[in-house]
Amino acid sequence: MSSPGTQRPSTGPSSVESREHHARLGAWFDQLCGLEGAELREGLERLEAEDAVLAAQVRGMLDLDGSKALLDQPVAKPEPMPRRIGKFKIPSRLGQGGTGVV
């Protein structure tokens, strides 16, 4: 623990730097996500020349945006509810939620 009047050394970007980085990331993504082919390549090359780290992050976002989103994929069908568990009979379902059935 640091004593009053002393500061710990910075270990990462400040919250202001982080907000600015995320704002730039979002702006570049928005600008590039609707482009294709040569226009997209040119935009990514401009960004790469300006900020290679940001370019890599935008490329990753574009890759995910172009792939089928996880939530768009079909969900596995649930197994049928058993009628018995050991010696106990299950007469009906009481309820269900996002993670299971009771």
Protein backbone atom coordinates (compact mmCIF):
# COMPACT_ATOMS: atom_id res chain seq x y z
CA MET A 1 0.00 0.00 0.00
CA SER A 2 1.38 3.43 -0.85
CA SER A 3 1.60 6.13 1.75
CA PRO A 4 -0.21 9.47 1.34
CA GLY A 5 1.43 11.73 -1.20
CA THR A 6 3.05 8.90 -3.17
CA GLN A 7 1.80 7.36 -6.33
CA ARG A 8 2.16 3.86 -7.65
CA PRO A 9 3.85 3.58 -11.02
CA SER A 10 1.48 3.35 -13.94
CA THR A 11 1.07 -0.18 -15.25
CA GLY A 12 -1.17 0.56 -18.21
CA PRO A 13 -3.09 3.18 -20.08
CA SER A 14 -5.09 5.72 -18.12
CA SER A 15 -8.85 5.63 -18.30
CA VAL A 16 -8.73 8.67 -20.61
CA GLU A 17 -6.29 6.89 -22.94
CA SER A 18 -8.45 3.77 -22.80
CA ARG A 19 -11.62 5.71 -23.66
CA GLU A 20 -9.83 7.45 -26.53
CA HIS A 21 -8.49 4.13 -27.82
CA HIS A 22 -11.94 2.52 -27.71
CA ALA A 23 -13.48 5.54 -29.42
CA ARG A 24 -10.89 5.30 -32.22
CA LEU A 25 -11.39 1.53 -32.44
CA GLY A 26 -15.15 1.95 -32.80
CA ALA A 27 -14.81 4.77 -35.33
CA TRP A 28 -12.43 2.78 -37.55
CA PHE A 29 -14.58 -0.33 -37.30
CA ASP A 30 -17.71 1.64 -38.23
CA GLN A 31 -15.87 3.22 -41.16
CA LEU A 32 -14.50 -0.08 -42.50
CA CYS A 33 -17.21 -2.64 -41.75
CA GLY A 34 -19.33 -1.69 -44.76
CA LEU A 35 -16.43 -1.76 -47.23
CA GLU A 36 -15.29 -4.66 -49.38
CA GLY A 37 -12.41 -5.56 -51.66
CA ALA A 38 -9.94 -2.83 -52.62
CA GLU A 39 -11.66 -0.16 -50.52
CA LEU A 40 -11.39 -2.31 -47.40
CA ARG A 41 -7.74 -3.17 -48.11
CA GLU A 42 -6.87 0.50 -48.65
CA GLY A 43 -8.59 1.52 -45.43
CA LEU A 44 -6.78 -1.19 -43.46
CA GLU A 45 -3.45 -0.18 -45.02
CA ARG A 46 -4.04 3.46 -43.98
CA LEU A 47 -4.83 2.35 -40.45
CA GLU A 48 -1.83 -0.02 -40.36
CA ALA A 49 0.47 2.88 -41.29
CA GLU A 50 -1.06 5.02 -38.54
CA ASP A 51 -1.39 2.46 -35.71
CA ALA A 52 -0.47 -1.21 -36.17
CA VAL A 53 -1.99 -2.31 -32.84
CA LEU A 54 -5.31 -0.64 -33.59
CA ALA A 55 -5.25 -2.12 -37.10
CA ALA A 56 -4.83 -5.63 -35.67
CA GLN A 57 -7.75 -5.10 -33.31
CA VAL A 58 -9.99 -3.75 -36.09
CA ARG A 59 -9.03 -6.70 -38.32
CA GLY A 60 -10.08 -9.07 -35.54
CA MET A 61 -13.40 -7.28 -35.14
CA LEU A 62 -13.98 -7.35 -38.90
CA ASP A 63 -13.21 -11.08 -38.97
CA LEU A 64 -15.77 -11.70 -36.24
CA ASP A 65 -18.30 -9.40 -37.88
CA GLY A 66 -18.00 -11.31 -41.15
CA SER A 67 -18.39 -14.70 -39.54
CA LYS A 68 -21.61 -16.18 -38.33
CA ALA A 69 -22.26 -14.73 -34.89
CA LEU A 70 -22.48 -17.16 -31.99
CA LEU A 71 -26.03 -16.11 -31.18
CA ASP A 72 -27.11 -16.73 -34.78
CA GLN A 73 -26.04 -20.37 -34.62
CA PRO A 74 -28.68 -22.98 -33.84
CA VAL A 75 -28.95 -24.05 -30.24
CA ALA A 76 -28.61 -27.73 -29.41
CA LYS A 77 -31.95 -29.39 -28.82
CA PRO A 78 -32.50 -30.25 -25.16
CA GLU A 79 -32.63 -33.86 -24.14
CA PRO A 80 -36.11 -35.12 -23.31
CA MET A 81 -37.00 -34.88 -19.66
CA PRO A 82 -36.66 -38.24 -17.88
CA ARG A 83 -39.81 -39.74 -16.39
CA ARG A 84 -37.84 -41.19 -13.47
CA ILE A 85 -34.61 -40.50 -11.60
CA GLY A 86 -33.75 -43.55 -9.57
CA LYS A 87 -36.80 -44.47 -7.50
CA PHE A 88 -38.33 -41.00 -7.92
CA LYS A 89 -41.09 -40.38 -10.45
CA ILE A 90 -41.13 -37.00 -12.24
CA PRO A 91 -44.76 -36.06 -12.92
CA SER A 92 -44.17 -32.76 -14.75
CA ARG A 93 -41.88 -29.81 -15.35
CA LEU A 94 -42.05 -27.05 -12.71
CA GLY A 95 -40.26 -24.41 -14.74
CA GLN A 96 -37.34 -23.60 -17.01
CA GLY A 97 -34.88 -20.81 -17.53
CA GLY A 98 -31.83 -19.85 -19.46
CA THR A 99 -29.65 -22.51 -17.91
CA GLY A 100 -31.87 -25.40 -17.07
CA VAL A 101 -35.16 -27.10 -16.29
CA VAL A 102 -36.67 -27.85 -12.88
